N, C-alpha and C. Protein backbone atom coordinates (compact mmCIF):
# COMPACT_ATOMS: atom_id res chain seq x y z
N UNK A 1 10.30 0.80 -0.27
CA UNK A 1 10.74 0.82 1.10
C UNK A 1 9.56 0.45 2.01
N UNK A 2 9.81 -0.38 2.97
CA UNK A 2 8.79 -0.86 3.90
C UNK A 2 8.33 0.27 4.82
N UNK A 3 7.00 0.40 4.97
CA UNK A 3 6.43 1.43 5.84
C UNK A 3 5.94 0.77 7.13
N UNK A 4 6.77 0.83 8.14
CA UNK A 4 6.48 0.17 9.41
C UNK A 4 5.20 0.70 10.06
N UNK A 5 4.99 2.02 10.01
CA UNK A 5 3.80 2.60 10.63
C UNK A 5 2.51 2.08 10.00
N UNK A 6 2.47 2.03 8.68
CA UNK A 6 1.27 1.53 7.99
C UNK A 6 1.06 0.05 8.28
N UNK A 7 2.16 -0.70 8.32
CA UNK A 7 2.06 -2.12 8.63
C UNK A 7 1.42 -2.34 10.00
N UNK A 8 1.96 -1.65 11.00
CA UNK A 8 1.43 -1.83 12.35
C UNK A 8 0.00 -1.32 12.47
N UNK A 9 -0.33 -0.22 11.81
CA UNK A 9 -1.69 0.31 11.87
C UNK A 9 -2.70 -0.69 11.28
N UNK A 10 -2.39 -1.22 10.12
CA UNK A 10 -3.30 -2.19 9.49
C UNK A 10 -3.33 -3.48 10.29
N UNK A 11 -2.19 -3.91 10.79
CA UNK A 11 -2.13 -5.13 11.60
C UNK A 11 -3.04 -5.01 12.82
N UNK A 12 -2.96 -3.88 13.50
CA UNK A 12 -3.79 -3.67 14.69
C UNK A 12 -5.26 -3.58 14.31
N UNK A 13 -5.57 -2.85 13.24
CA UNK A 13 -6.96 -2.75 12.79
C UNK A 13 -7.56 -4.11 12.43
N UNK A 14 -6.73 -5.00 11.93
CA UNK A 14 -7.20 -6.33 11.55
C UNK A 14 -7.16 -7.31 12.73
N UNK A 15 -6.69 -6.84 13.90
CA UNK A 15 -6.69 -7.66 15.09
C UNK A 15 -5.64 -8.76 15.11
N UNK A 16 -4.52 -8.52 14.44
CA UNK A 16 -3.45 -9.52 14.37
C UNK A 16 -2.25 -9.06 15.18
N UNK A 17 -1.61 -10.00 15.85
CA UNK A 17 -0.37 -9.70 16.56
C UNK A 17 0.82 -9.97 15.63
N UNK A 18 1.99 -9.51 16.05
CA UNK A 18 3.20 -9.80 15.28
C UNK A 18 3.42 -11.31 15.26
N UNK A 19 3.12 -11.98 16.36
CA UNK A 19 3.27 -13.44 16.42
C UNK A 19 2.33 -14.12 15.42
N UNK A 20 1.12 -13.58 15.24
CA UNK A 20 0.18 -14.13 14.26
C UNK A 20 0.76 -14.03 12.85
N UNK A 21 1.34 -12.89 12.54
CA UNK A 21 1.93 -12.68 11.21
C UNK A 21 3.13 -13.60 11.02
N UNK A 22 3.97 -13.71 12.04
CA UNK A 22 5.14 -14.59 11.95
C UNK A 22 4.70 -16.03 11.67
N UNK A 23 3.68 -16.47 12.37
CA UNK A 23 3.18 -17.83 12.17
C UNK A 23 2.63 -18.00 10.75
N UNK A 24 1.93 -16.98 10.26
CA UNK A 24 1.34 -17.05 8.91
C UNK A 24 2.40 -17.19 7.82
N UNK A 25 3.58 -16.59 8.05
CA UNK A 25 4.63 -16.67 7.02
C UNK A 25 5.65 -17.75 7.33
N UNK A 26 5.44 -18.46 8.43
CA UNK A 26 6.32 -19.58 8.75
C UNK A 26 7.68 -19.19 9.25
N UNK A 27 7.74 -18.13 10.06
CA UNK A 27 9.02 -17.69 10.61
C UNK A 27 8.85 -17.39 12.09
N UNK A 28 9.94 -17.07 12.74
CA UNK A 28 9.88 -16.74 14.16
C UNK A 28 9.55 -15.26 14.34
N UNK A 29 9.07 -14.92 15.52
CA UNK A 29 8.78 -13.52 15.81
C UNK A 29 10.04 -12.66 15.75
N UNK A 30 11.18 -13.10 16.32
CA UNK A 30 12.39 -12.27 16.20
C UNK A 30 12.82 -12.03 14.74
N UNK A 31 12.67 -13.04 13.90
CA UNK A 31 13.01 -12.87 12.48
C UNK A 31 12.08 -11.86 11.84
N UNK A 32 10.80 -11.92 12.16
CA UNK A 32 9.86 -10.94 11.60
C UNK A 32 10.21 -9.53 12.07
N UNK A 33 10.56 -9.38 13.33
CA UNK A 33 10.97 -8.06 13.83
C UNK A 33 12.20 -7.54 13.09
N UNK A 34 13.14 -8.41 12.74
CA UNK A 34 14.31 -7.99 11.95
C UNK A 34 13.88 -7.49 10.57
N UNK A 35 12.90 -8.15 9.99
CA UNK A 35 12.41 -7.72 8.68
C UNK A 35 11.67 -6.38 8.80
N UNK A 36 10.86 -6.23 9.84
CA UNK A 36 10.12 -4.99 10.06
C UNK A 36 11.08 -3.82 10.27
N UNK A 37 12.17 -4.06 10.99
CA UNK A 37 13.12 -2.98 11.29
C UNK A 37 14.06 -2.67 10.13
N UNK A 38 13.99 -3.48 9.07
CA UNK A 38 14.82 -3.22 7.89
C UNK A 38 16.18 -3.90 7.91
N UNK A 39 16.42 -4.73 8.91
CA UNK A 39 17.70 -5.44 8.99
C UNK A 39 17.75 -6.64 8.05
N UNK A 40 16.59 -7.03 7.57
CA UNK A 40 16.45 -8.15 6.63
C UNK A 40 15.29 -7.81 5.70
N UNK A 41 15.27 -8.40 4.52
CA UNK A 41 14.23 -8.10 3.55
C UNK A 41 13.13 -9.15 3.55
N UNK A 42 11.93 -8.71 3.18
CA UNK A 42 10.82 -9.63 2.98
C UNK A 42 10.96 -10.28 1.61
N UNK A 43 10.61 -11.55 1.51
CA UNK A 43 10.58 -12.22 0.21
C UNK A 43 9.23 -11.95 -0.44
N UNK A 44 9.14 -12.22 -1.72
CA UNK A 44 7.86 -12.07 -2.43
C UNK A 44 6.79 -12.95 -1.80
N UNK A 45 7.18 -14.17 -1.47
CA UNK A 45 6.23 -15.11 -0.87
C UNK A 45 5.75 -14.60 0.49
N UNK A 46 6.64 -14.05 1.29
CA UNK A 46 6.25 -13.51 2.59
C UNK A 46 5.28 -12.34 2.44
N UNK A 47 5.54 -11.48 1.47
CA UNK A 47 4.64 -10.35 1.22
C UNK A 47 3.26 -10.86 0.83
N UNK A 48 3.21 -11.86 -0.02
CA UNK A 48 1.93 -12.43 -0.43
C UNK A 48 1.20 -13.06 0.75
N UNK A 49 1.93 -13.78 1.60
CA UNK A 49 1.30 -14.43 2.76
C UNK A 49 0.81 -13.40 3.78
N UNK A 50 1.57 -12.35 3.99
CA UNK A 50 1.14 -11.29 4.90
C UNK A 50 -0.10 -10.60 4.36
N UNK A 51 -0.13 -10.32 3.07
CA UNK A 51 -1.29 -9.69 2.45
C UNK A 51 -2.54 -10.55 2.61
N UNK A 52 -2.35 -11.85 2.45
CA UNK A 52 -3.47 -12.78 2.60
C UNK A 52 -3.92 -12.84 4.06
N UNK A 53 -2.97 -12.91 4.98
CA UNK A 53 -3.29 -12.99 6.41
C UNK A 53 -4.05 -11.75 6.87
N UNK A 54 -3.63 -10.58 6.40
CA UNK A 54 -4.27 -9.33 6.80
C UNK A 54 -5.48 -8.98 5.94
N UNK A 55 -5.69 -9.75 4.87
CA UNK A 55 -6.80 -9.51 3.93
C UNK A 55 -6.78 -8.07 3.43
N UNK A 56 -5.62 -7.68 2.87
CA UNK A 56 -5.47 -6.33 2.36
C UNK A 56 -5.47 -6.31 0.84
N UNK A 57 -5.81 -5.17 0.29
CA UNK A 57 -5.84 -5.00 -1.16
C UNK A 57 -4.43 -4.83 -1.70
N UNK A 58 -4.32 -4.91 -3.02
CA UNK A 58 -3.02 -4.67 -3.66
C UNK A 58 -2.52 -3.26 -3.39
N UNK A 59 -3.44 -2.29 -3.35
CA UNK A 59 -3.04 -0.91 -3.06
C UNK A 59 -2.45 -0.80 -1.66
N UNK A 60 -3.12 -1.43 -0.68
CA UNK A 60 -2.61 -1.40 0.69
C UNK A 60 -1.26 -2.11 0.77
N UNK A 61 -1.14 -3.23 0.07
CA UNK A 61 0.13 -3.96 0.05
C UNK A 61 1.24 -3.06 -0.50
N UNK A 62 0.96 -2.37 -1.60
CA UNK A 62 1.95 -1.48 -2.19
C UNK A 62 2.32 -0.34 -1.25
N UNK A 63 1.34 0.21 -0.52
CA UNK A 63 1.61 1.28 0.43
C UNK A 63 2.52 0.81 1.56
N UNK A 64 2.36 -0.43 1.98
CA UNK A 64 3.16 -0.96 3.09
C UNK A 64 4.56 -1.35 2.62
N UNK A 65 4.62 -2.16 1.57
CA UNK A 65 5.90 -2.77 1.18
C UNK A 65 6.70 -2.01 0.14
N UNK A 66 6.06 -1.11 -0.57
CA UNK A 66 6.75 -0.43 -1.67
C UNK A 66 6.54 1.07 -1.63
N UNK A 67 6.45 1.64 -0.42
CA UNK A 67 6.25 3.08 -0.30
C UNK A 67 7.55 3.82 -0.55
N UNK A 68 7.43 5.08 -0.86
CA UNK A 68 8.62 5.91 -1.06
C UNK A 68 8.95 6.09 -2.51
N UNK A 69 9.82 7.04 -2.75
CA UNK A 69 10.25 7.36 -4.11
C UNK A 69 11.27 6.36 -4.61
N UNK A 70 11.17 6.10 -5.87
CA UNK A 70 12.20 5.29 -6.54
C UNK A 70 12.89 6.23 -7.50
N UNK A 71 14.21 6.34 -7.39
CA UNK A 71 14.91 7.29 -8.26
C UNK A 71 15.61 6.58 -9.38
């Protein structure tokens, strides 16, 4: 499950705007906001591009995009 709070915290710490992230993954800002809010899913490629744009580790990526229990 996507962790919006961690995403925004790391994004701000890295000095990136939502528009910067949208541009990095080749989508519009409104589309990215839909993905952030859970109305649409991130693709594997988008997750990889966001991780590269934010220069985050695999652990940080997992905390953002795959947090929560899996039953």
